[in-house]
Amino acid sequence: MSLDLSPSASFNQLRRIESSTLFQGVVIAIIILSALTIGAKTYDLPPLVEQSLGVMDTAITLFFLIEILFRFAASPVKRRFFMDGWNVFDTLVVIGSLIPLDNSEAVLLGRLLRVFRVLRLVSVVPELRFLINSLLKAIPRMGYIALLMFIIFYIYAAMGSMFFAKVDEDLWGDVAISMLTLFRVATFEDWTDVMYATMEQYPLSWIYYLTFIFLTAFVFLNMMIGAILEVMSEEQNAKQAQQAHDERDEIVQQLHSVQRKLDELSKKLER
């Protein structure tokens, strides 16, 4: 029985290893270990422990370098590897992690990129990557909602500055300060204290606060959530359609392969 050592067989083996659950689990475990190492360095530790963490950080950096090279080798089309934004992000983080921390000019950048290695957990876990992609695609829709919310904030801030400036200059002195106060109201941070202070001079000012909270905390927040959920639903449908298309292509390829084998067998029988 001969072993198949052809380039295609080797490539298929790399693909199987790269997509295996064991490989993904090891990468996730190393990313979590990297996060724990970064967190441990923020404490005052004995010199021996600090040296051990330094050695571990170097080993983790080398592992990530080997892992990104392995994924590049397992990519079917090398040119398309860097067309994926997650691959570009992973590559930049890994290359940035190679910056030596003993270089005083680049030590801050090196430490910052090592912190960003924790974000690689998003690129490795498909579910997290799906959530981030959906959020990024929902940003244009959320932008219009945010613009409308800013208009409401501005209108209410101008009204609050005109009516309540003499009640509390620190909270309603101008439009900018009033918008900060309204942000405090929208996040329910002691907003009742602000309302009761204005109600001493304007008993009906509670209408101002309740209508603002209803618009911002309920209407616009639900619109934001709805926009994200809609994009997630569209992405999920597109993902399922792509999976169905890939499965159909795989079945067609298998049928073609079976047909070729039948044709070859038929030719052999004819001989």
C-alpha atoms as a PDB file:
ATOM      1  CA  MET A   1       0.000   0.000   0.000  1.00  0.00           C
ATOM      2  CA  SER A   2       1.638   3.203  -1.172  1.00  0.00           C
ATOM      3  CA  LEU A   3       1.360   6.578   0.559  1.00  0.00           C
ATOM      4  CA  ASP A   4       0.014   9.516  -1.370  1.00  0.00           C
ATOM      5  CA  LEU A   5       2.691  12.203  -1.040  1.00  0.00           C
ATOM      6  CA  SER A   6       1.416  14.431  -3.836  1.00  0.00           C
ATOM      7  CA  PRO A   7       1.151  18.213  -3.222  1.00  0.00           C
ATOM      8  CA  SER A   8      -2.631  18.055  -3.355  1.00  0.00           C
ATOM      9  CA  ALA A   9      -2.707  15.346  -0.693  1.00  0.00           C
ATOM     10  CA  SER A  10      -0.374  17.356   1.540  1.00  0.00           C
ATOM     11  CA  PHE A  11      -2.489  20.458   1.046  1.00  0.00           C
ATOM     12  CA  ASN A  12      -5.668  18.569   1.895  1.00  0.00           C
ATOM     13  CA  GLN A  13      -4.006  17.285   5.036  1.00  0.00           C
ATOM     14  CA  LEU A  14      -3.086  20.844   6.038  1.00  0.00           C
ATOM     15  CA  ARG A  15      -6.683  21.923   5.440  1.00  0.00           C
ATOM     16  CA  ARG A  16      -8.000  19.105   7.595  1.00  0.00           C
ATOM     17  CA  ILE A  17      -5.629  19.983  10.429  1.00  0.00           C
ATOM     18  CA  GLU A  18      -6.390  23.712  10.182  1.00  0.00           C
ATOM     19  CA  SER A  19     -10.161  23.132  10.313  1.00  0.00           C
ATOM     20  CA  SER A  20     -10.028  20.423  12.980  1.00  0.00           C
ATOM     21  CA  THR A  21     -11.614  20.970  16.374  1.00  0.00           C
ATOM     22  CA  LEU A  22      -8.372  20.045  18.148  1.00  0.00           C
ATOM     23  CA  PHE A  23      -6.352  22.703  16.311  1.00  0.00           C
ATOM     24  CA  GLN A  24      -8.965  25.384  16.963  1.00  0.00           C
ATOM     25  CA  GLY A  25      -9.160  24.357  20.613  1.00  0.00           C
ATOM     26  CA  VAL A  26      -5.391  24.648  21.032  1.00  0.00           C
ATOM     27  CA  VAL A  27      -5.380  28.120  19.448  1.00  0.00           C
ATOM     28  CA  ILE A  28      -8.230  29.283  21.711  1.00  0.00           C
ATOM     29  CA  ALA A  29      -6.416  27.875  24.775  1.00  0.00           C
ATOM     30  CA  ILE A  30      -3.206  29.740  23.847  1.00  0.00           C
ATOM     31  CA  ILE A  31      -5.139  32.994  23.325  1.00  0.00           C
ATOM     32  CA  ILE A  32      -6.730  32.617  26.778  1.00  0.00           C
ATOM     33  CA  LEU A  33      -3.290  31.860  28.243  1.00  0.00           C
ATOM     34  CA  SER A  34      -1.964  34.995  26.534  1.00  0.00           C
ATOM     35  CA  ALA A  35      -4.770  37.051  28.104  1.00  0.00           C
ATOM     36  CA  LEU A  36      -3.981  35.639  31.549  1.00  0.00           C
ATOM     37  CA  THR A  37      -0.292  36.407  31.034  1.00  0.00           C
ATOM     38  CA  ILE A  38      -1.051  40.010  30.100  1.00  0.00           C
ATOM     39  CA  GLY A  39      -3.272  40.393  33.165  1.00  0.00           C
ATOM     40  CA  ALA A  40      -0.670  38.854  35.461  1.00  0.00           C
ATOM     41  CA  LYS A  41       1.935  41.395  34.351  1.00  0.00           C
ATOM     42  CA  THR A  42      -0.174  44.222  35.797  1.00  0.00           C
ATOM     43  CA  TYR A  43       0.544  42.940  39.332  1.00  0.00           C
ATOM     44  CA  ASP A  44       3.683  43.251  41.419  1.00  0.00           C
ATOM     45  CA  LEU A  45       5.262  39.834  41.101  1.00  0.00           C
ATOM     46  CA  PRO A  46       8.520  38.255  42.288  1.00  0.00           C
ATOM     47  CA  PRO A  47      11.425  38.479  39.807  1.00  0.00           C
ATOM     48  CA  LEU A  48      11.336  34.731  39.121  1.00  0.00           C
ATOM     49  CA  VAL A  49       7.655  34.867  38.198  1.00  0.00           C
ATOM     50  CA  GLU A  50       8.242  37.889  35.956  1.00  0.00           C
ATOM     51  CA  GLN A  51      11.023  36.050  34.149  1.00  0.00           C
ATOM     52  CA  SER A  52       8.768  33.028  33.714  1.00  0.00           C
ATOM     53  CA  LEU A  53       6.035  35.226  32.286  1.00  0.00           C
ATOM     54  CA  GLY A  54       8.575  36.760  29.895  1.00  0.00           C
ATOM     55  CA  VAL A  55       9.594  33.325  28.639  1.00  0.00           C
ATOM     56  CA  MET A  56       5.938  32.337  28.321  1.00  0.00           C
ATOM     57  CA  ASP A  57       5.181  35.514  26.373  1.00  0.00           C
ATOM     58  CA  THR A  58       7.994  34.733  23.937  1.00  0.00           C
ATOM     59  CA  ALA A  59       6.723  31.176  23.501  1.00  0.00           C
ATOM     60  CA  ILE A  60       3.181  32.428  22.887  1.00  0.00           C
ATOM     61  CA  THR A  61       4.447  34.928  20.304  1.00  0.00           C
ATOM     62  CA  LEU A  62       6.343  32.182  18.459  1.00  0.00           C
ATOM     63  CA  PHE A  63       3.267  29.959  18.561  1.00  0.00           C
ATOM     64  CA  PHE A  64       1.111  32.690  17.006  1.00  0.00           C
ATOM     65  CA  LEU A  65       3.750  33.262  14.315  1.00  0.00           C
ATOM     66  CA  ILE A  66       3.828  29.558  13.447  1.00  0.00           C
ATOM     67  CA  GLU A  67       0.025  29.402  13.555  1.00  0.00           C
ATOM     68  CA  ILE A  68      -0.452  32.308  11.132  1.00  0.00           C
ATOM     69  CA  LEU A  69       2.156  30.802   8.755  1.00  0.00           C
ATOM     70  CA  PHE A  70       0.384  27.447   8.983  1.00  0.00           C
ATOM     71  CA  ARG A  71      -2.966  29.047   8.157  1.00  0.00           C
ATOM     72  CA  PHE A  72      -1.363  30.844   5.211  1.00  0.00           C
ATOM     73  CA  ALA A  73       0.070  27.556   3.946  1.00  0.00           C
ATOM     74  CA  ALA A  74      -3.345  25.894   4.320  1.00  0.00           C
ATOM     75  CA  SER A  75      -5.094  28.651   2.382  1.00  0.00           C
ATOM     76  CA  PRO A  76      -6.287  27.370  -1.031  1.00  0.00           C
ATOM     77  CA  VAL A  77      -5.604  30.710  -2.763  1.00  0.00           C
ATOM     78  CA  LYS A  78      -2.679  32.582  -1.221  1.00  0.00           C
ATOM     79  CA  ARG A  79      -3.639  35.923  -2.766  1.00  0.00           C
ATOM     80  CA  ARG A  80      -7.095  35.761  -1.221  1.00  0.00           C
ATOM     81  CA  PHE A  81      -5.723  35.083   2.257  1.00  0.00           C
ATOM     82  CA  PHE A  82      -5.090  38.764   2.891  1.00  0.00           C
ATOM     83  CA  MET A  83      -8.409  39.780   1.334  1.00  0.00           C
ATOM     84  CA  ASP A  84     -10.051  38.602   4.549  1.00  0.00           C
ATOM     85  CA  GLY A  85     -10.039  41.407   7.102  1.00  0.00           C
ATOM     86  CA  TRP A  86      -9.675  38.982  10.010  1.00  0.00           C
ATOM     87  CA  ASN A  87      -6.548  37.461   8.477  1.00  0.00           C
ATOM     88  CA  VAL A  88      -5.060  40.939   8.028  1.00  0.00           C
ATOM     89  CA  PHE A  89      -5.889  41.796  11.650  1.00  0.00           C
ATOM     90  CA  ASP A  90      -4.330  38.570  12.934  1.00  0.00           C
ATOM     91  CA  THR A  91      -1.210  39.105  10.831  1.00  0.00           C
ATOM     92  CA  LEU A  92      -0.728  42.693  12.029  1.00  0.00           C
ATOM     93  CA  VAL A  93      -1.161  41.679  15.663  1.00  0.00           C
ATOM     94  CA  VAL A  94       1.300  38.799  15.312  1.00  0.00           C
ATOM     95  CA  ILE A  95       3.892  40.929  13.497  1.00  0.00           C
ATOM     96  CA  GLY A  96       3.437  43.712  16.057  1.00  0.00           C
ATOM     97  CA  SER A  97       3.965  41.226  18.874  1.00  0.00           C
ATOM     98  CA  LEU A  98       7.456  40.560  17.496  1.00  0.00           C
ATOM     99  CA  ILE A  99       8.506  44.040  18.626  1.00  0.00           C
ATOM    100  CA  PRO A 100      11.013  43.510  21.475  1.00  0.00           C
ATOM    101  CA  LEU A 101       9.806  44.953  24.772  1.00  0.00           C
ATOM    102  CA  ASP A 102      13.324  46.046  25.743  1.00  0.00           C
ATOM    103  CA  ASN A 103      13.207  48.700  22.998  1.00  0.00           C
ATOM    104  CA  SER A 104      12.196  51.806  24.938  1.00  0.00           C
ATOM    105  CA  GLU A 105      10.905  53.599  21.831  1.00  0.00           C
ATOM    106  CA  ALA A 106       8.546  50.807  20.804  1.00  0.00           C
ATOM    107  CA  VAL A 107       7.755  49.272  24.202  1.00  0.00           C
ATOM    108  CA  LEU A 108       4.347  50.974  24.443  1.00  0.00           C
ATOM    109  CA  LEU A 109       3.354  49.842  20.932  1.00  0.00           C
ATOM    110  CA  GLY A 110       4.576  46.322  21.643  1.00  0.00           C
ATOM    111  CA  ARG A 111       2.582  46.089  24.870  1.00  0.00           C
ATOM    112  CA  LEU A 112      -0.504  47.524  23.199  1.00  0.00           C
ATOM    113  CA  LEU A 113      -0.374  44.979  20.377  1.00  0.00           C
ATOM    114  CA  ARG A 114       0.093  42.205  22.911  1.00  0.00           C
ATOM    115  CA  VAL A 115      -3.128  43.355  24.575  1.00  0.00           C
ATOM    116  CA  PHE A 116      -4.865  43.187  21.193  1.00  0.00           C
ATOM    117  CA  ARG A 117      -3.887  39.528  20.958  1.00  0.00           C
ATOM    118  CA  VAL A 118      -6.887  38.867  23.180  1.00  0.00           C
ATOM    119  CA  LEU A 119      -9.096  40.096  20.323  1.00  0.00           C
ATOM    120  CA  ARG A 120      -7.827  37.201  18.239  1.00  0.00           C
ATOM    121  CA  LEU A 121     -10.337  35.124  20.162  1.00  0.00           C
ATOM    122  CA  VAL A 122     -12.999  36.883  18.071  1.00  0.00           C
ATOM    123  CA  SER A 123     -11.344  35.894  14.800  1.00  0.00           C
ATOM    124  CA  VAL A 124     -10.921  32.277  15.894  1.00  0.00           C
ATOM    125  CA  VAL A 125     -14.432  31.610  17.237  1.00  0.00           C
ATOM    126  CA  PRO A 126     -16.903  31.654  14.286  1.00  0.00           C
ATOM    127  CA  GLU A 127     -19.851  32.709  16.463  1.00  0.00           C
ATOM    128  CA  LEU A 128     -18.016  35.775  17.776  1.00  0.00           C
ATOM    129  CA  ARG A 129     -16.819  36.618  14.269  1.00  0.00           C
ATOM    130  CA  PHE A 130     -20.420  36.406  13.063  1.00  0.00           C
ATOM    131  CA  LEU A 131     -21.568  38.833  15.780  1.00  0.00           C
ATOM    132  CA  ILE A 132     -18.821  41.357  15.014  1.00  0.00           C
ATOM    133  CA  ASN A 133     -19.448  41.179  11.255  1.00  0.00           C
ATOM    134  CA  SER A 134     -23.161  41.731  11.818  1.00  0.00           C
ATOM    135  CA  LEU A 135     -22.446  44.690  14.094  1.00  0.00           C
ATOM    136  CA  LEU A 136     -20.106  46.282  11.551  1.00  0.00           C
ATOM    137  CA  LYS A 137     -22.651  45.866   8.758  1.00  0.00           C
ATOM    138  CA  ALA A 138     -25.361  47.370  10.969  1.00  0.00           C
ATOM    139  CA  ILE A 139     -23.347  50.551  11.604  1.00  0.00           C
ATOM    140  CA  PRO A 140     -24.638  52.410   8.490  1.00  0.00           C
ATOM    141  CA  ARG A 141     -28.239  51.806   9.541  1.00  0.00           C
ATOM    142  CA  MET A 142     -27.444  52.677  13.127  1.00  0.00           C
ATOM    143  CA  GLY A 143     -25.806  55.884  11.917  1.00  0.00           C
ATOM    144  CA  TYR A 144     -29.123  57.324  10.728  1.00  0.00           C
ATOM    145  CA  ILE A 145     -30.753  56.380  14.018  1.00  0.00           C
ATOM    146  CA  ALA A 146     -27.872  58.042  15.888  1.00  0.00           C
ATOM    147  CA  LEU A 147     -28.291  61.165  13.743  1.00  0.00           C
ATOM    148  CA  LEU A 148     -31.989  61.334  14.563  1.00  0.00           C
ATOM    149  CA  MET A 149     -31.171  60.795  18.232  1.00  0.00           C
ATOM    150  CA  PHE A 150     -28.640  63.661  18.094  1.00  0.00           C
ATOM    151  CA  ILE A 151     -31.333  65.936  16.663  1.00  0.00           C
ATOM    152  CA  ILE A 152     -33.682  65.024  19.518  1.00  0.00           C
ATOM    153  CA  PHE A 153     -30.879  65.572  22.031  1.00  0.00           C
ATOM    154  CA  TYR A 154     -30.102  68.974  20.536  1.00  0.00           C
ATOM    155  CA  ILE A 155     -33.738  70.124  20.552  1.00  0.00           C
ATOM    156  CA  TYR A 156     -34.271  69.045  24.155  1.00  0.00           C
ATOM    157  CA  ALA A 157     -30.901  70.518  25.191  1.00  0.00           C
ATOM    158  CA  ALA A 158     -31.814  73.890  23.677  1.00  0.00           C
ATOM    159  CA  MET A 159     -35.179  73.810  25.444  1.00  0.00           C
ATOM    160  CA  GLY A 160     -33.572  72.795  28.725  1.00  0.00           C
ATOM    161  CA  SER A 161     -30.977  75.548  28.479  1.00  0.00           C
ATOM    162  CA  MET A 162     -33.661  78.174  27.844  1.00  0.00           C
ATOM    163  CA  PHE A 163     -35.986  77.089  30.655  1.00  0.00           C
ATOM    164  CA  PHE A 164     -33.723  75.601  33.328  1.00  0.00           C
ATOM    165  CA  ALA A 165     -30.491  77.644  33.130  1.00  0.00           C
ATOM    166  CA  LYS A 166     -31.531  79.827  36.054  1.00  0.00           C
ATOM    167  CA  VAL A 167     -32.386  76.732  38.098  1.00  0.00           C
ATOM    168  CA  ASP A 168     -28.912  75.197  37.841  1.00  0.00           C
ATOM    169  CA  GLU A 169     -26.235  76.870  35.761  1.00  0.00           C
ATOM    170  CA  ASP A 170     -23.895  73.896  36.127  1.00  0.00           C
ATOM    171  CA  LEU A 171     -26.390  71.510  34.507  1.00  0.00           C
ATOM    172  CA  TRP A 172     -28.217  73.746  32.011  1.00  0.00           C
ATOM    173  CA  GLY A 173     -25.822  76.647  31.370  1.00  0.00           C
ATOM    174  CA  ASP A 174     -25.582  76.145  27.589  1.00  0.00           C
ATOM    175  CA  VAL A 175     -26.490  73.633  24.908  1.00  0.00           C
ATOM    176  CA  ALA A 176     -23.324  71.552  25.300  1.00  0.00           C
ATOM    177  CA  ILE A 177     -23.692  71.212  29.076  1.00  0.00           C
ATOM    178  CA  SER A 178     -27.410  70.513  28.660  1.00  0.00           C
ATOM    179  CA  MET A 179     -26.645  67.663  26.269  1.00  0.00           C
ATOM    180  CA  LEU A 180     -24.326  66.122  28.863  1.00  0.00           C
ATOM    181  CA  THR A 181     -27.079  66.464  31.451  1.00  0.00           C
ATOM    182  CA  LEU A 182     -29.553  64.820  29.096  1.00  0.00           C
ATOM    183  CA  PHE A 183     -27.104  61.978  28.528  1.00  0.00           C
ATOM    184  CA  ARG A 184     -27.095  61.526  32.302  1.00  0.00           C
ATOM    185  CA  VAL A 185     -30.904  61.476  32.224  1.00  0.00           C
ATOM    186  CA  ALA A 186     -30.982  58.995  29.326  1.00  0.00           C
ATOM    187  CA  THR A 187     -28.675  56.617  31.220  1.00  0.00           C
ATOM    188  CA  PHE A 188     -30.819  56.956  34.391  1.00  0.00           C
ATOM    189  CA  GLU A 189     -27.857  58.226  36.431  1.00  0.00           C
ATOM    190  CA  ASP A 190     -29.597  60.053  39.332  1.00  0.00           C
ATOM    191  CA  TRP A 191     -31.934  61.660  36.802  1.00  0.00           C
ATOM    192  CA  THR A 192     -34.694  62.075  39.399  1.00  0.00           C
ATOM    193  CA  ASP A 193     -32.497  64.553  41.316  1.00  0.00           C
ATOM    194  CA  VAL A 194     -32.252  66.668  38.171  1.00  0.00           C
ATOM    195  CA  MET A 195     -36.004  66.459  37.586  1.00  0.00           C
ATOM    196  CA  TYR A 196     -37.006  67.328  41.168  1.00  0.00           C
ATOM    197  CA  ALA A 197     -34.676  70.346  41.135  1.00  0.00           C
ATOM    198  CA  THR A 198     -36.458  71.844  38.101  1.00  0.00           C
ATOM    199  CA  MET A 199     -39.904  70.832  39.344  1.00  0.00           C
ATOM    200  CA  GLU A 200     -39.479  73.201  42.299  1.00  0.00           C
ATOM    201  CA  GLN A 201     -39.863  76.114  39.879  1.00  0.00           C
ATOM    202  CA  TYR A 202     -41.595  74.349  36.971  1.00  0.00           C
ATOM    203  CA  PRO A 203     -44.032  71.754  38.417  1.00  0.00           C
ATOM    204  CA  LEU A 204     -44.883  70.436  34.941  1.00  0.00           C
ATOM    205  CA  SER A 205     -41.252  69.919  33.917  1.00  0.00           C
ATOM    206  CA  TRP A 206     -41.700  66.175  34.535  1.00  0.00           C
ATOM    207  CA  ILE A 207     -43.372  66.069  31.107  1.00  0.00           C
ATOM    208  CA  TYR A 208     -40.075  67.244  29.586  1.00  0.00           C
ATOM    209  CA  TYR A 209     -38.112  64.419  31.197  1.00  0.00           C
ATOM    210  CA  LEU A 210     -40.617  61.628  30.623  1.00  0.00           C
ATOM    211  CA  THR A 211     -41.050  62.410  26.937  1.00  0.00           C
ATOM    212  CA  PHE A 212     -37.273  62.607  26.481  1.00  0.00           C
ATOM    213  CA  ILE A 213     -36.719  59.283  28.272  1.00  0.00           C
ATOM    214  CA  PHE A 214     -39.508  57.651  26.270  1.00  0.00           C
ATOM    215  CA  LEU A 215     -37.919  58.732  22.976  1.00  0.00           C
ATOM    216  CA  THR A 216     -34.293  57.958  23.807  1.00  0.00           C
ATOM    217  CA  ALA A 217     -34.371  55.019  26.228  1.00  0.00           C
ATOM    218  CA  PHE A 218     -37.259  53.141  24.643  1.00  0.00           C
ATOM    219  CA  VAL A 219     -37.889  54.167  21.034  1.00  0.00           C
ATOM    220  CA  PHE A 220     -34.360  54.807  19.751  1.00  0.00           C
ATOM    221  CA  LEU A 221     -32.757  52.016  21.790  1.00  0.00           C
ATOM    222  CA  ASN A 222     -35.236  49.501  20.399  1.00  0.00           C
ATOM    223  CA  MET A 223     -34.628  50.862  16.911  1.00  0.00           C
ATOM    224  CA  MET A 224     -30.892  50.239  17.402  1.00  0.00           C
ATOM    225  CA  ILE A 225     -31.526  46.698  18.598  1.00  0.00           C
ATOM    226  CA  GLY A 226     -33.950  46.094  15.730  1.00  0.00           C
ATOM    227  CA  ALA A 227     -31.384  47.243  13.159  1.00  0.00           C
ATOM    228  CA  ILE A 228     -28.743  44.884  14.576  1.00  0.00           C
ATOM    229  CA  LEU A 229     -31.159  41.948  14.739  1.00  0.00           C
ATOM    230  CA  GLU A 230     -32.276  42.564  11.155  1.00  0.00           C
ATOM    231  CA  VAL A 231     -28.695  42.499   9.897  1.00  0.00           C
ATOM    232  CA  MET A 232     -27.961  39.372  11.948  1.00  0.00           C
ATOM    233  CA  SER A 233     -31.002  37.680  10.418  1.00  0.00           C
ATOM    234  CA  GLU A 234     -29.878  38.645   6.911  1.00  0.00           C
ATOM    235  CA  GLU A 235     -26.351  37.393   7.616  1.00  0.00           C
ATOM    236  CA  GLN A 236     -27.684  34.115   8.999  1.00  0.00           C
ATOM    237  CA  ASN A 237     -29.868  33.591   5.917  1.00  0.00           C
ATOM    238  CA  ALA A 238     -26.948  34.385   3.634  1.00  0.00           C
ATOM    239  CA  LYS A 239     -24.724  31.986   5.585  1.00  0.00           C
ATOM    240  CA  GLN A 240     -27.290  29.189   5.321  1.00  0.00           C
ATOM    241  CA  ALA A 241     -27.723  29.847   1.611  1.00  0.00           C
ATOM    242  CA  GLN A 242     -23.944  29.709   1.112  1.00  0.00           C
ATOM    243  CA  GLN A 243     -23.721  26.455   3.051  1.00  0.00           C
ATOM    244  CA  ALA A 244     -26.517  24.956   0.962  1.00  0.00           C
ATOM    245  CA  HIS A 245     -24.728  26.107  -2.212  1.00  0.00           C
ATOM    246  CA  ASP A 246     -21.436  24.590  -1.044  1.00  0.00           C
ATOM    247  CA  GLU A 247     -23.122  21.318  -0.143  1.00  0.00           C
ATOM    248  CA  ARG A 248     -24.814  21.229  -3.540  1.00  0.00           C
ATOM    249  CA  ASP A 249     -21.498  21.850  -5.287  1.00  0.00           C
ATOM    250  CA  GLU A 250     -19.870  19.103  -3.232  1.00  0.00           C
ATOM    251  CA  ILE A 251     -22.641  16.660  -4.150  1.00  0.00           C
ATOM    252  CA  VAL A 252     -22.303  17.589  -7.823  1.00  0.00           C
ATOM    253  CA  GLN A 253     -18.553  17.044  -7.665  1.00  0.00           C
ATOM    254  CA  GLN A 254     -19.070  13.657  -6.026  1.00  0.00           C
ATOM    255  CA  LEU A 255     -21.592  12.698  -8.708  1.00  0.00           C
ATOM    256  CA  HIS A 256     -19.147  13.745 -11.412  1.00  0.00           C
ATOM    257  CA  SER A 257     -16.415  11.708  -9.725  1.00  0.00           C
ATOM    258  CA  VAL A 258     -18.685   8.663  -9.543  1.00  0.00           C
ATOM    259  CA  GLN A 259     -19.654   9.158 -13.180  1.00  0.00           C
ATOM    260  CA  ARG A 260     -16.009   9.303 -14.230  1.00  0.00           C
ATOM    261  CA  LYS A 261     -15.265   6.120 -12.308  1.00  0.00           C
ATOM    262  CA  LEU A 262     -18.251   4.412 -13.934  1.00  0.00           C
ATOM    263  CA  ASP A 263     -17.067   5.541 -17.352  1.00  0.00           C
ATOM    264  CA  GLU A 264     -13.569   4.220 -16.660  1.00  0.00           C
ATOM    265  CA  LEU A 265     -15.011   0.922 -15.404  1.00  0.00           C
ATOM    266  CA  SER A 266     -17.222   0.672 -18.474  1.00  0.00           C
ATOM    267  CA  LYS A 267     -14.251   1.208 -20.777  1.00  0.00           C
ATOM    268  CA  LYS A 268     -12.283  -1.468 -18.943  1.00  0.00           C
ATOM    269  CA  LEU A 269     -15.179  -3.922 -19.269  1.00  0.00           C
ATOM    270  CA  GLU A 270     -15.451  -3.187 -22.993  1.00  0.00           C
ATOM    271  CA  ARG A 271     -11.821  -4.108 -23.430  1.00  0.00           C
END
